[in-house]
Amino acid sequence: MPRKLWLRAAFIAAFLAAVTYLFVESTALDPAQQVRTLQAINALNRADAELDRNLFLTRSGMRLHYDSLNRAVAELYRQLEALSFGSDTTARTFPDEMIRQFEVIRANVAHKEELVEQFKSSNALLRNSWAYFTVRSHEVSRRNATSPGSEEFTATIGQLPSVMLRVLRSPHGEAKDNANALLDHLEKMAVPKHLTLAVNSMLLHGRLILNLSPGLDSTLKNLLALPTTTLINLLRNSYIKHQHRIEERAKRHRVLLYVVSVLLLAYLIYLFYRLQASARDLFRVNEGLVEQIAERRRAEGEAHELQTELAHVHRLSTMGEMATGLAHELNQPLAAITSYAQGCVQRMRLRKTKPDEMIDIMNKISLEAKRAASIIHRLRSLARKRAPRQVRINVNAAIREIAGLLEAEAHRHHVRIALDLSNPLPKVMADTIEIQQIVLNLMRNGMEAMEEDVSAPRDLTIRTERKENNFIKVAVQDSGHGIPPEILERIFDPFYTTKLSGLGLGLSICRSIVEGHGGRLWATSDADTRTTFFFTLPIAEEDPHDNV
């Protein structure tokens, strides 16, 4: 490829890349996607606030089950999946800062889930201990009422539930100290025997309440201290800033794309005027070419007409050269007709006519007349001047007709004609007269080549066969003395001849005819023995009904 063409191709590729880049960069974020993203961020914030609210309600005892906590945690994860800033598709859209913020929020939610599970476990133990403590406290109070212990025991049992309830709500400071003191005092006190088991259970669960309450509040404090809300707000702010940056960048690139479009339009207008100028120049050149083509076609037509005329003249010349043989060939049936006619006249004069004998003689006269008519018909066909007309023909039939026409001349030259014709042979698209002219010329050349050798047998063989490449091949072989290589190379040249008479146009005309039919004509020769001329013709079509 020329260097200039390479440069143009590189410029076009670079221009397309630039326009594509500007188009992509001028595209803003999808408005629907923006709304969905902001809604998901707000929903994530609401889910986090709902989780904190449910934690407070659960800690205060207003929520006796954990369904609300589980729903709040599940909602957090659902909104995280709705955002998915860290997925493969969004990682190419959002800046690294937002992706890092999102991953921090995801890790924060995972940590919050762990703390919620700890809170649920500790709160369950605490509520279970408080339930046992209240049941045992009521049992001791009831049984102590029926069989009272000391006044001190009764007073302690009466104070302990309210003190433990204050510890349950605020497990620090004075409430915790008072509860520890009451539990220690109850443990040292003399307990009625029938209340020992219940009091020990109260002491056990009271201690558990004192131990679990601070840890539960610490877990709740850690949960509330997690900066989830702050992180979500930072993510929202980052996303809004990202939106603004994308919009500003899209505006700038849309302006650039507009400028490029204007420049491209100007360039197209320039190309349009250039194209108009080139079209005018091309039209002027084209007029000259049209005239040249028309002149060339006229010349080709004239050349074709001259070639047809030359072929006709050559046929007439050949027939003139064959005049003696043709006269002898025609004289035989005419002489036979004369003899039969004279015999009929003689019999009629002598009144020796018999109907059967006369009919037989008349049939013989008719047969000889048809023979003479056939010879004249073949001569007229060869001599007729007409434009070539290609039709589906039987090459074997055309060869047999020419062989019959040359029979007298072959007999005069002591030549034996042998026909080795392939049967069946497909038909070809050709002009019968032109094909017969080729065969006639090649056969007469073969006869003339064998004239000098008087002692050797004179055999002229014509073969036909079908080739594998959808062609038929015709071979005309003589038993003459061969053609030297230096002459064989030039025998198809116009006006080249080795004869004393003749113009040297026969083989040249034959080659032109064969090539006009889409075939090929060539010759081979064995030194001092024989020469074979071959020509091929394309088969009209593969149809078994056309075979001979």
Protein backbone atom coordinates (compact mmCIF):
# COMPACT_ATOMS: atom_id res chain seq x y z
CA MET A 1 0.00 0.00 0.00
CA PRO A 2 1.39 3.46 -0.89
CA ARG A 3 2.66 5.58 1.97
CA LYS A 4 0.11 8.33 1.27
CA LEU A 5 -2.74 5.84 1.56
CA TRP A 6 -1.34 4.58 4.86
CA LEU A 7 -1.28 8.13 6.21
CA ARG A 8 -4.89 8.72 5.17
CA ALA A 9 -6.01 5.47 6.77
CA ALA A 10 -4.16 6.37 10.00
CA PHE A 11 -5.76 9.84 10.02
CA ILE A 12 -9.25 8.41 9.56
CA ALA A 13 -8.69 5.85 12.33
CA ALA A 14 -7.41 8.55 14.70
CA PHE A 15 -10.34 10.83 13.86
CA LEU A 16 -12.87 8.05 14.50
CA ALA A 17 -11.18 7.23 17.80
CA ALA A 18 -11.32 10.89 18.86
CA VAL A 19 -15.00 11.25 17.94
CA THR A 20 -15.83 8.02 19.76
CA TYR A 21 -13.96 9.21 22.86
CA LEU A 22 -15.79 12.56 22.82
CA PHE A 23 -19.13 10.83 22.38
CA VAL A 24 -18.52 8.47 25.30
CA GLU A 25 -17.21 11.23 27.55
CA SER A 26 -20.12 13.53 26.68
CA THR A 27 -22.58 11.01 28.08
CA ALA A 28 -23.81 11.84 31.59
CA LEU A 29 -24.93 9.36 34.21
CA ASP A 30 -28.27 7.69 33.66
CA PRO A 31 -30.87 9.82 35.53
CA ALA A 32 -32.88 6.76 36.52
CA GLN A 33 -29.72 5.10 37.83
CA GLN A 34 -28.87 8.26 39.80
CA VAL A 35 -32.30 8.23 41.47
CA ARG A 36 -32.03 4.53 42.28
CA THR A 37 -28.56 4.97 43.77
CA LEU A 38 -29.59 7.90 45.98
CA GLN A 39 -32.71 6.04 47.06
CA ALA A 40 -30.60 3.02 47.98
CA ILE A 41 -28.18 5.20 50.02
CA ASN A 42 -31.10 6.83 51.87
CA ALA A 43 -32.72 3.45 52.44
CA LEU A 44 -29.41 2.17 53.84
CA ASN A 45 -29.33 5.10 56.25
CA ARG A 46 -32.94 4.45 57.32
CA ALA A 47 -32.22 0.76 57.84
CA ASP A 48 -29.27 1.64 60.11
CA ALA A 49 -31.42 4.06 62.14
CA GLU A 50 -34.18 1.44 62.40
CA LEU A 51 -31.65 -1.07 63.74
CA ASP A 52 -30.49 1.39 66.42
CA ARG A 53 -34.09 2.10 67.43
CA ASN A 54 -34.89 -1.59 67.75
CA LEU A 55 -31.75 -2.11 69.84
CA PHE A 56 -32.96 0.53 72.31
CA LEU A 57 -36.44 -0.96 72.44
CA THR A 58 -35.06 -4.45 72.95
CA ARG A 59 -32.70 -3.28 75.71
CA SER A 60 -35.53 -1.48 77.50
CA GLY A 61 -37.67 -4.60 77.38
CA MET A 62 -40.28 -3.17 75.01
CA ARG A 63 -39.30 -5.75 72.37
CA LEU A 64 -39.54 -9.29 73.70
CA HIS A 65 -38.39 -10.98 70.44
CA TYR A 66 -35.64 -10.36 67.88
CA ASP A 67 -37.63 -10.35 64.63
CA SER A 68 -37.30 -6.59 64.28
CA LEU A 69 -33.51 -6.81 64.75
CA ASN A 70 -33.23 -9.57 62.16
CA ARG A 71 -35.35 -7.61 59.67
CA ALA A 72 -33.24 -4.48 60.21
CA VAL A 73 -29.96 -6.37 59.59
CA ALA A 74 -31.41 -8.07 56.48
CA GLU A 75 -32.55 -4.68 55.16
CA LEU A 76 -29.02 -3.32 55.60
CA TYR A 77 -27.59 -6.11 53.47
CA ARG A 78 -30.34 -5.76 50.86
CA GLN A 79 -29.57 -2.08 50.38
CA LEU A 80 -25.85 -2.86 50.20
CA GLU A 81 -26.57 -5.28 47.35
CA ALA A 82 -28.71 -2.63 45.66
CA LEU A 83 -25.71 -0.27 45.67
CA SER A 84 -22.90 -2.73 44.85
CA PHE A 85 -20.26 -0.06 44.18
CA GLY A 86 -17.59 -2.74 44.34
CA SER A 87 -18.93 -5.01 41.59
CA ASP A 88 -17.08 -5.51 38.30
CA THR A 89 -19.58 -3.41 36.32
CA THR A 90 -19.56 -0.38 38.64
CA ALA A 91 -15.85 -0.47 39.44
CA ARG A 92 -15.20 1.05 36.01
CA THR A 93 -17.83 3.81 36.58
CA PHE A 94 -17.18 5.18 40.06
CA PRO A 95 -13.93 6.59 41.49
CA ASP A 96 -11.76 4.55 43.83
CA GLU A 97 -12.62 6.82 46.77
CA MET A 98 -16.31 5.90 46.60
CA ILE A 99 -15.53 2.22 46.22
CA ARG A 100 -13.30 2.35 49.32
CA GLN A 101 -16.05 4.16 51.27
CA PHE A 102 -18.54 1.52 50.22
CA GLU A 103 -16.22 -1.30 51.30
CA VAL A 104 -15.73 0.40 54.69
CA ILE A 105 -19.52 0.58 55.11
CA ARG A 106 -19.84 -3.08 54.12
CA ALA A 107 -17.20 -4.04 56.73
CA ASN A 108 -18.91 -1.80 59.30
CA VAL A 109 -22.26 -3.51 58.70
CA ALA A 110 -20.63 -6.93 59.03
CA HIS A 111 -19.08 -5.88 62.35
CA LYS A 112 -22.42 -4.46 63.46
CA GLU A 113 -24.07 -7.78 62.68
CA GLU A 114 -21.55 -9.57 64.92
CA LEU A 115 -22.24 -7.13 67.77
CA VAL A 116 -26.00 -7.55 67.30
CA GLU A 117 -25.59 -11.31 67.67
CA GLN A 118 -23.58 -10.74 70.87
CA PHE A 119 -26.27 -8.34 72.10
CA LYS A 120 -29.01 -10.86 71.38
CA SER A 121 -27.16 -13.63 73.27
CA SER A 122 -26.37 -11.47 76.32
CA ASN A 123 -29.85 -9.96 76.38
CA ALA A 124 -31.45 -13.40 76.20
CA LEU A 125 -29.42 -14.59 79.22
CA LEU A 126 -30.20 -11.40 81.11
CA ARG A 127 -33.93 -11.61 80.43
CA ASN A 128 -33.94 -15.29 81.33
CA SER A 129 -32.17 -14.58 84.66
CA TRP A 130 -34.56 -11.72 85.41
CA ALA A 131 -37.53 -14.00 84.72
CA TYR A 132 -36.18 -16.66 87.09
CA PHE A 133 -35.33 -14.00 89.67
CA THR A 134 -38.86 -12.53 89.66
CA VAL A 135 -40.47 -15.99 89.82
CA ARG A 136 -38.33 -17.02 92.80
CA SER A 137 -38.87 -13.63 94.46
CA HIS A 138 -42.66 -14.02 94.26
CA GLU A 139 -42.41 -17.61 95.51
CA VAL A 140 -40.29 -16.60 98.52
CA SER A 141 -42.62 -13.68 99.34
CA ARG A 142 -45.68 -15.90 99.10
CA ARG A 143 -44.26 -18.73 101.16
CA ASN A 144 -42.77 -16.32 103.69
CA ALA A 145 -46.21 -14.80 104.19
CA THR A 146 -47.66 -18.15 105.24
CA SER A 147 -44.69 -19.04 107.43
CA PRO A 148 -42.83 -15.79 108.12
CA GLY A 149 -39.16 -15.63 108.95
CA SER A 150 -37.42 -12.85 110.78
CA GLU A 151 -38.45 -9.28 110.17
CA GLU A 152 -35.02 -8.52 108.67
CA PHE A 153 -35.39 -11.39 106.16
CA THR A 154 -38.85 -10.21 105.21
CA ALA A 155 -37.64 -6.62 104.71
CA THR A 156 -34.67 -7.73 102.57
CA ILE A 157 -36.84 -9.95 100.40
CA GLY A 158 -39.24 -7.06 99.90
CA GLN A 159 -36.52 -4.56 98.87
CA LEU A 160 -34.52 -6.84 96.55
CA PRO A 161 -36.83 -6.91 93.43
CA SER A 162 -37.03 -3.12 93.14
CA VAL A 163 -33.29 -2.75 93.63
CA MET A 164 -32.56 -5.42 90.97
CA LEU A 165 -34.97 -3.71 88.56
CA ARG A 166 -33.01 -0.47 88.92
CA VAL A 167 -29.80 -2.45 88.24
CA LEU A 168 -31.42 -3.97 85.15
CA ARG A 169 -32.12 -0.48 83.82
CA SER A 170 -28.86 1.14 84.95
CA PRO A 171 -26.19 -1.37 86.05
CA HIS A 172 -23.76 1.21 87.35
CA GLY A 173 -23.20 3.40 90.41
CA GLU A 174 -25.37 3.37 93.52
CA ALA A 175 -27.96 0.92 92.18
CA LYS A 176 -25.31 -1.73 91.55
CA ASP A 177 -23.70 -1.14 94.98
CA ASN A 178 -27.07 -1.39 96.76
CA ALA A 179 -27.89 -4.60 94.90
CA ASN A 180 -24.52 -6.15 95.79
CA ALA A 181 -24.97 -5.17 99.43
CA LEU A 182 -28.47 -6.65 99.63
CA LEU A 183 -27.36 -9.89 97.95
CA ASP A 184 -24.37 -10.18 100.31
CA HIS A 185 -26.62 -9.46 103.32
CA LEU A 186 -29.19 -12.05 102.16
CA GLU A 187 -26.46 -14.61 101.62
CA LYS A 188 -25.22 -14.19 105.24
CA MET A 189 -28.71 -14.10 106.72
CA ALA A 190 -30.36 -17.09 108.40
CA VAL A 191 -32.90 -18.34 105.88
CA PRO A 192 -35.86 -20.51 106.88
CA LYS A 193 -35.21 -24.07 105.85
CA HIS A 194 -38.21 -24.37 103.56
CA LEU A 195 -37.04 -21.27 101.60
CA THR A 196 -33.37 -22.17 101.20
CA LEU A 197 -33.63 -23.53 97.63
CA ALA A 198 -35.65 -20.57 96.37
CA VAL A 199 -33.37 -18.02 98.06
CA ASN A 200 -30.25 -19.68 96.58
CA SER A 201 -31.85 -19.48 93.11
CA MET A 202 -32.56 -15.78 93.70
CA LEU A 203 -28.94 -15.22 94.73
CA LEU A 204 -27.63 -17.07 91.64
CA HIS A 205 -29.74 -15.17 89.13
CA GLY A 206 -29.21 -11.89 90.97
CA ARG A 207 -25.45 -12.30 90.61
CA LEU A 208 -25.93 -13.16 86.89
CA ILE A 209 -27.96 -9.99 86.41
CA LEU A 210 -25.23 -7.93 88.04
CA ASN A 211 -22.58 -9.57 85.87
CA LEU A 212 -24.48 -9.51 82.53
CA SER A 213 -25.96 -6.02 82.69
CA PRO A 214 -22.68 -4.05 82.34
CA GLY A 215 -21.52 -6.24 79.41
CA LEU A 216 -24.86 -5.88 77.65
CA ASP A 217 -24.73 -2.11 77.99
CA SER A 218 -21.12 -2.12 76.80
CA THR A 219 -22.13 -4.08 73.67
CA LEU A 220 -24.98 -1.66 73.04
CA LYS A 221 -22.61 1.26 73.51
CA ASN A 222 -20.20 -0.25 70.96
CA LEU A 223 -23.06 -0.75 68.53
CA LEU A 224 -24.18 2.83 68.84
CA ALA A 225 -20.60 4.06 68.60
CA LEU A 226 -20.11 2.53 65.14
CA PRO A 227 -19.94 5.39 62.58
CA THR A 228 -22.29 3.74 60.09
CA THR A 229 -24.52 6.78 59.70
CA THR A 230 -21.52 9.07 59.24
CA LEU A 231 -20.02 6.75 56.64
CA ILE A 232 -23.31 6.56 54.74
CA ASN A 233 -23.57 10.35 54.71
CA LEU A 234 -19.99 10.60 53.43
CA LEU A 235 -20.85 8.14 50.67
CA ARG A 236 -23.93 10.18 49.73
CA ASN A 237 -21.87 13.38 49.57
CA SER A 238 -19.17 11.66 47.49
CA TYR A 239 -21.80 10.35 45.08
CA ILE A 240 -23.38 13.79 44.67
CA LYS A 241 -19.94 15.32 44.01
CA HIS A 242 -19.24 12.53 41.53
CA GLN A 243 -22.50 13.37 39.76
CA HIS A 244 -21.51 17.01 39.49
CA ARG A 245 -18.05 16.11 38.13
CA ILE A 246 -19.57 13.81 35.51
CA GLU A 247 -22.05 16.47 34.43
CA GLU A 248 -19.34 19.13 34.12
CA ARG A 249 -17.10 16.80 32.15
CA ALA A 250 -20.00 15.81 29.88
CA LYS A 251 -20.75 19.49 29.20
CA ARG A 252 -17.13 20.18 28.23
CA HIS A 253 -16.97 17.18 25.93
CA ARG A 254 -20.31 18.03 24.33
CA VAL A 255 -18.89 21.44 23.44
CA LEU A 256 -15.79 19.76 21.97
CA LEU A 257 -17.97 17.30 20.08
CA TYR A 258 -19.95 20.20 18.64
CA VAL A 259 -16.73 21.91 17.52
CA VAL A 260 -15.51 18.69 15.90
CA SER A 261 -18.88 18.27 14.16
CA VAL A 262 -18.66 21.81 12.75
CA LEU A 263 -15.12 21.16 11.52
CA LEU A 264 -16.23 17.88 9.98
CA LEU A 265 -19.12 19.61 8.23
CA ALA A 266 -16.75 22.23 6.86
CA TYR A 267 -14.41 19.50 5.64
CA LEU A 268 -17.32 17.65 4.00
CA ILE A 269 -18.35 20.85 2.20
CA TYR A 270 -14.75 21.23 1.01
CA LEU A 271 -14.72 17.62 -0.16
CA PHE A 272 -18.05 18.15 -1.91
CA TYR A 273 -16.65 21.01 -4.00
CA ARG A 274 -13.48 19.04 -4.65
CA LEU A 275 -15.60 16.08 -5.73
CA GLN A 276 -17.62 18.27 -8.07
CA ALA A 277 -14.43 19.57 -9.68
CA SER A 278 -13.05 16.03 -9.97
CA ALA A 279 -16.36 14.82 -11.41
CA ARG A 280 -16.20 17.49 -14.11
CA ASP A 281 -12.64 16.48 -14.96
CA LEU A 282 -13.62 12.82 -14.90
CA PHE A 283 -16.59 13.51 -17.14
CA ARG A 284 -14.33 15.16 -19.70
CA VAL A 285 -11.91 12.23 -19.52
CA ASN A 286 -14.81 9.79 -19.65
CA GLU A 287 -16.12 11.33 -22.85
CA GLY A 288 -12.77 10.63 -24.46
CA LEU A 289 -12.76 7.08 -23.08
CA VAL A 290 -16.28 6.45 -24.35
CA GLU A 291 -15.21 7.56 -27.81
CA GLN A 292 -12.13 5.34 -27.62
CA ILE A 293 -14.21 2.37 -26.44
CA ALA A 294 -16.74 2.94 -29.21
CA GLU A 295 -13.93 3.20 -31.75
CA ARG A 296 -12.34 0.05 -30.37
CA ARG A 297 -15.65 -1.81 -30.55
CA ARG A 298 -16.10 -0.68 -34.14
CA ALA A 299 -12.57 -1.86 -34.90
CA GLU A 300 -13.23 -5.18 -33.18
CA GLY A 301 -16.45 -5.58 -35.13
CA GLU A 302 -14.66 -4.82 -38.38
CA ALA A 303 -11.86 -7.22 -37.43
CA HIS A 304 -14.43 -9.91 -36.66
CA GLU A 305 -16.15 -9.29 -39.98
CA LEU A 306 -12.80 -9.42 -41.77
CA GLN A 307 -11.93 -12.64 -39.97
CA THR A 308 -15.28 -14.13 -40.96
CA GLU A 309 -14.73 -12.98 -44.54
CA LEU A 310 -11.20 -14.39 -44.48
CA ALA A 311 -12.47 -17.72 -43.19
CA HIS A 312 -15.06 -17.78 -45.97
CA VAL A 313 -12.44 -16.96 -48.60
CA HIS A 314 -10.21 -19.66 -47.18
CA ARG A 315 -13.06 -22.19 -47.43
CA LEU A 316 -13.64 -21.19 -51.04
CA SER A 317 -9.92 -21.46 -51.73
CA THR A 318 -9.85 -24.91 -50.15
CA MET A 319 -12.82 -25.99 -52.20
CA GLY A 320 -11.06 -24.69 -55.31
CA GLU A 321 -8.03 -26.78 -54.43
CA MET A 322 -10.36 -29.76 -53.95
CA ALA A 323 -12.09 -29.16 -57.30
CA THR A 324 -10.60 -32.22 -59.02
CA GLY A 325 -11.54 -34.58 -56.20
CA LEU A 326 -14.98 -33.03 -55.82
CA ALA A 327 -15.59 -33.31 -59.56
CA HIS A 328 -14.62 -36.98 -59.44
CA GLU A 329 -16.80 -37.49 -56.35
CA LEU A 330 -19.76 -35.85 -58.08
CA ASN A 331 -19.09 -37.56 -61.42
CA GLN A 332 -19.56 -41.05 -59.99
CA PRO A 333 -23.27 -40.74 -59.09
CA LEU A 334 -23.94 -38.74 -62.27
CA ALA A 335 -22.27 -41.44 -64.41
CA ALA A 336 -24.26 -44.12 -62.62
CA ILE A 337 -27.50 -42.18 -63.20
CA THR A 338 -26.64 -41.84 -66.93
CA SER A 339 -25.85 -45.54 -67.23
CA TYR A 340 -29.07 -46.61 -65.51
CA ALA A 341 -31.11 -44.18 -67.60
CA GLN A 342 -29.59 -45.44 -70.89
CA GLY A 343 -30.30 -49.02 -69.81
CA CYS A 344 -33.93 -48.13 -69.22
CA VAL A 345 -34.21 -46.49 -72.65
CA GLN A 346 -32.64 -49.51 -74.36
CA ARG A 347 -35.02 -51.96 -72.67
CA MET A 348 -38.01 -49.84 -73.58
CA ARG A 349 -36.96 -49.77 -77.27
CA LEU A 350 -36.57 -53.53 -77.29
CA ARG A 351 -39.88 -53.84 -75.48
CA LYS A 352 -38.20 -55.95 -72.81
CA THR A 353 -39.51 -53.90 -69.93
CA LYS A 354 -40.72 -55.66 -66.86
CA PRO A 355 -42.25 -53.60 -64.05
CA ASP A 356 -40.13 -55.10 -61.27
CA GLU A 357 -36.89 -54.58 -63.18
CA MET A 358 -37.81 -50.99 -64.07
CA ILE A 359 -38.69 -50.18 -60.44
CA ASP A 360 -35.32 -51.56 -59.31
CA ILE A 361 -33.47 -49.43 -61.87
CA MET A 362 -35.46 -46.33 -60.90
CA ASN A 363 -34.61 -46.90 -57.22
CA LYS A 364 -30.92 -47.08 -58.10
CA ILE A 365 -31.22 -43.84 -60.09
CA SER A 366 -32.94 -42.20 -57.09
CA LEU A 367 -30.22 -43.41 -54.71
CA GLU A 368 -27.43 -42.03 -56.90
CA ALA A 369 -29.31 -38.74 -57.28
CA LYS A 370 -29.57 -38.43 -53.50
CA ARG A 371 -25.85 -39.14 -53.26
CA ALA A 372 -25.11 -36.34 -55.73
CA ALA A 373 -27.51 -34.02 -53.88
CA SER A 374 -25.75 -34.79 -50.59
CA ILE A 375 -22.38 -33.85 -52.11
CA ILE A 376 -23.81 -30.61 -53.50
CA HIS A 377 -25.46 -29.83 -50.14
CA ARG A 378 -22.15 -30.23 -48.30
CA LEU A 379 -20.40 -28.04 -50.88
CA ARG A 380 -23.07 -25.36 -50.60
CA SER A 381 -22.84 -25.42 -46.77
CA LEU A 382 -19.10 -24.85 -46.89
CA ALA A 383 -19.35 -22.23 -49.61
CA ARG A 384 -22.24 -20.28 -48.04
CA LYS A 385 -21.32 -16.91 -46.61
CA ARG A 386 -23.09 -16.21 -43.31
CA ALA A 387 -22.43 -14.88 -39.82
CA PRO A 388 -21.19 -17.49 -37.33
CA ARG A 389 -23.99 -18.96 -35.21
CA GLN A 390 -23.21 -21.13 -32.21
CA VAL A 391 -25.74 -23.86 -31.48
CA ARG A 392 -25.61 -27.27 -29.79
CA ILE A 393 -23.93 -29.55 -32.31
CA ASN A 394 -22.72 -33.13 -32.58
CA VAL A 395 -18.97 -32.96 -33.30
CA ASN A 396 -18.85 -36.61 -34.40
CA ALA A 397 -21.53 -35.97 -37.06
CA ALA A 398 -19.65 -32.92 -38.36
CA ILE A 399 -16.42 -34.97 -38.62
CA ARG A 400 -18.18 -37.82 -40.46
CA GLU A 401 -19.62 -35.35 -42.98
CA ILE A 402 -16.19 -33.82 -43.74
CA ALA A 403 -14.59 -37.27 -43.94
CA GLY A 404 -17.21 -38.24 -46.55
CA LEU A 405 -16.49 -35.07 -48.49
CA LEU A 406 -12.74 -35.85 -48.55
CA GLU A 407 -13.18 -39.49 -49.40
CA ALA A 408 -12.50 -39.03 -53.14
CA GLU A 409 -9.45 -36.82 -52.53
CA ALA A 410 -8.13 -39.31 -49.96
CA HIS A 411 -8.55 -42.14 -52.47
CA ARG A 412 -6.72 -40.10 -55.10
CA HIS A 413 -3.80 -39.56 -52.65
CA HIS A 414 -3.89 -43.22 -51.53
CA VAL A 415 -4.75 -42.14 -47.96
CA ARG A 416 -6.75 -44.35 -45.62
CA ILE A 417 -9.05 -42.32 -43.34
CA ALA A 418 -9.76 -43.95 -39.95
CA LEU A 419 -12.41 -42.54 -37.58
CA ASP A 420 -12.01 -43.38 -33.88
CA LEU A 421 -14.91 -41.38 -32.46
CA SER A 422 -15.91 -41.67 -28.82
CA ASN A 423 -19.50 -42.73 -28.34
CA PRO A 424 -21.36 -41.26 -26.52
CA LEU A 425 -19.85 -37.78 -26.85
CA PRO A 426 -21.49 -34.69 -25.26
CA LYS A 427 -22.67 -31.88 -27.50
CA VAL A 428 -20.87 -28.55 -27.65
CA MET A 429 -21.93 -24.96 -28.32
CA ALA A 430 -20.31 -24.21 -31.68
CA ASP A 431 -20.80 -23.16 -35.30
CA THR A 432 -20.97 -26.31 -37.44
CA ILE A 433 -19.40 -24.76 -40.55
CA GLU A 434 -16.46 -23.31 -38.58
CA ILE A 435 -15.78 -26.63 -36.83
CA GLN A 436 -15.95 -28.45 -40.18
CA GLN A 437 -13.56 -25.88 -41.65
CA ILE A 438 -11.05 -26.68 -38.86
CA VAL A 439 -11.35 -30.44 -39.42
CA LEU A 440 -11.19 -30.01 -43.22
CA ASN A 441 -8.05 -27.88 -43.00
CA LEU A 442 -6.28 -30.26 -40.58
CA MET A 443 -7.18 -33.37 -42.64
CA ARG A 444 -5.99 -31.81 -45.93
CA ASN A 445 -2.76 -30.69 -44.23
CA GLY A 446 -2.26 -34.28 -43.09
CA MET A 447 -2.82 -35.63 -46.59
CA GLU A 448 -0.37 -33.13 -48.07
CA ALA A 449 2.21 -34.04 -45.40
CA MET A 450 2.12 -37.68 -46.53
CA GLU A 451 2.49 -36.99 -50.30
CA GLU A 452 6.31 -37.04 -50.31
CA ASP A 453 6.65 -40.51 -48.78
CA VAL A 454 5.46 -42.87 -51.51
CA SER A 455 6.51 -46.19 -49.96
CA ALA A 456 5.10 -45.83 -46.41
CA PRO A 457 1.41 -46.45 -45.63
CA ARG A 458 -0.63 -43.29 -45.54
CA ASP A 459 -3.00 -43.30 -42.57
CA LEU A 460 -5.05 -40.34 -41.39
CA THR A 461 -6.75 -40.92 -38.03
CA ILE A 462 -9.35 -38.67 -36.39
CA ARG A 463 -10.14 -39.30 -32.71
CA THR A 464 -12.60 -37.71 -30.30
CA GLU A 465 -12.81 -38.13 -26.54
CA ARG A 466 -14.21 -36.43 -23.47
CA LYS A 467 -11.76 -34.85 -21.02
CA GLU A 468 -12.25 -34.62 -17.26
CA ASN A 469 -12.38 -30.81 -17.21
CA ASN A 470 -15.68 -30.55 -19.16
CA PHE A 471 -14.02 -30.37 -22.57
CA ILE A 472 -14.00 -32.63 -25.58
CA LYS A 473 -10.73 -33.18 -27.44
CA VAL A 474 -10.35 -33.82 -31.17
CA ALA A 475 -7.09 -35.23 -32.55
CA VAL A 476 -6.08 -35.41 -36.26
CA GLN A 477 -2.99 -37.59 -36.75
CA ASP A 478 -1.07 -38.37 -39.94
CA SER A 479 1.69 -40.89 -40.61
CA GLY A 480 3.93 -38.43 -42.42
CA HIS A 481 7.52 -37.41 -41.78
CA GLY A 482 6.88 -35.07 -38.82
CA ILE A 483 7.62 -31.36 -38.37
CA PRO A 484 10.98 -30.02 -37.15
CA PRO A 485 10.80 -28.24 -33.75
CA GLU A 486 11.89 -24.87 -35.17
CA ILE A 487 9.01 -24.97 -37.66
CA LEU A 488 6.51 -26.41 -35.15
CA GLU A 489 6.92 -23.29 -32.99
CA ARG A 490 5.78 -21.00 -35.84
CA ILE A 491 3.16 -22.97 -37.77
CA PHE A 492 0.28 -21.00 -36.17
CA ASP A 493 1.80 -17.61 -37.03
CA PRO A 494 -0.11 -15.69 -39.73
CA PHE A 495 1.44 -15.82 -43.21
CA TYR A 496 3.99 -18.45 -42.17
CA THR A 497 4.09 -21.42 -44.57
CA THR A 498 6.52 -24.07 -45.76
CA LYS A 499 4.53 -24.77 -48.94
CA LEU A 500 5.44 -23.42 -52.35
CA SER A 501 1.87 -22.20 -52.76
CA GLY A 502 -0.51 -20.81 -50.15
CA LEU A 503 -0.65 -17.77 -47.88
CA GLY A 504 0.00 -19.49 -44.54
CA LEU A 505 -3.33 -18.41 -43.05
CA GLY A 506 -5.07 -21.78 -42.64
CA LEU A 507 -3.76 -22.76 -39.20
CA SER A 508 -3.91 -19.17 -37.95
CA ILE A 509 -7.60 -18.98 -38.91
CA CYS A 510 -8.23 -22.36 -37.28
CA ARG A 511 -6.64 -21.23 -34.03
CA SER A 512 -8.73 -18.01 -34.01
CA ILE A 513 -11.91 -20.04 -34.55
CA VAL A 514 -11.08 -22.50 -31.75
CA GLU A 515 -10.17 -19.74 -29.30
CA GLY A 516 -13.38 -17.90 -30.23
CA HIS A 517 -15.24 -21.02 -29.09
CA GLY A 518 -13.37 -21.07 -25.76
CA GLY A 519 -11.03 -23.91 -26.73
CA ARG A 520 -7.37 -24.42 -27.58
CA LEU A 521 -5.46 -25.64 -30.68
CA TRP A 522 -1.95 -27.09 -30.56
CA ALA A 523 0.27 -29.63 -32.30
CA THR A 524 2.83 -32.30 -31.40
CA SER A 525 5.23 -34.06 -33.73
CA ASP A 526 7.49 -37.09 -33.50
CA ALA A 527 10.60 -36.59 -35.57
CA ASP A 528 10.39 -38.38 -38.96
CA THR A 529 7.20 -40.30 -38.06
CA ARG A 530 3.94 -38.45 -37.48
CA THR A 531 2.25 -35.20 -36.53
CA THR A 532 -0.88 -34.79 -34.40
CA PHE A 533 -3.05 -31.69 -34.19
CA PHE A 534 -5.33 -31.34 -31.16
CA PHE A 535 -8.11 -28.93 -30.40
CA THR A 536 -10.56 -28.74 -27.51
CA LEU A 537 -14.10 -27.38 -27.20
CA PRO A 538 -16.10 -26.76 -24.00
CA ILE A 539 -19.08 -29.03 -23.36
CA ALA A 540 -22.44 -27.24 -23.57
CA GLU A 541 -23.83 -28.84 -20.40
CA GLU A 542 -23.93 -32.13 -18.55
CA ASP A 543 -27.12 -33.74 -19.91
CA PRO A 544 -27.31 -37.48 -20.68
CA HIS A 545 -29.96 -36.83 -23.35
CA ASP A 546 -27.34 -34.88 -25.36
CA ASN A 547 -24.92 -37.82 -25.65
CA VAL A 548 -24.38 -39.41 -29.03
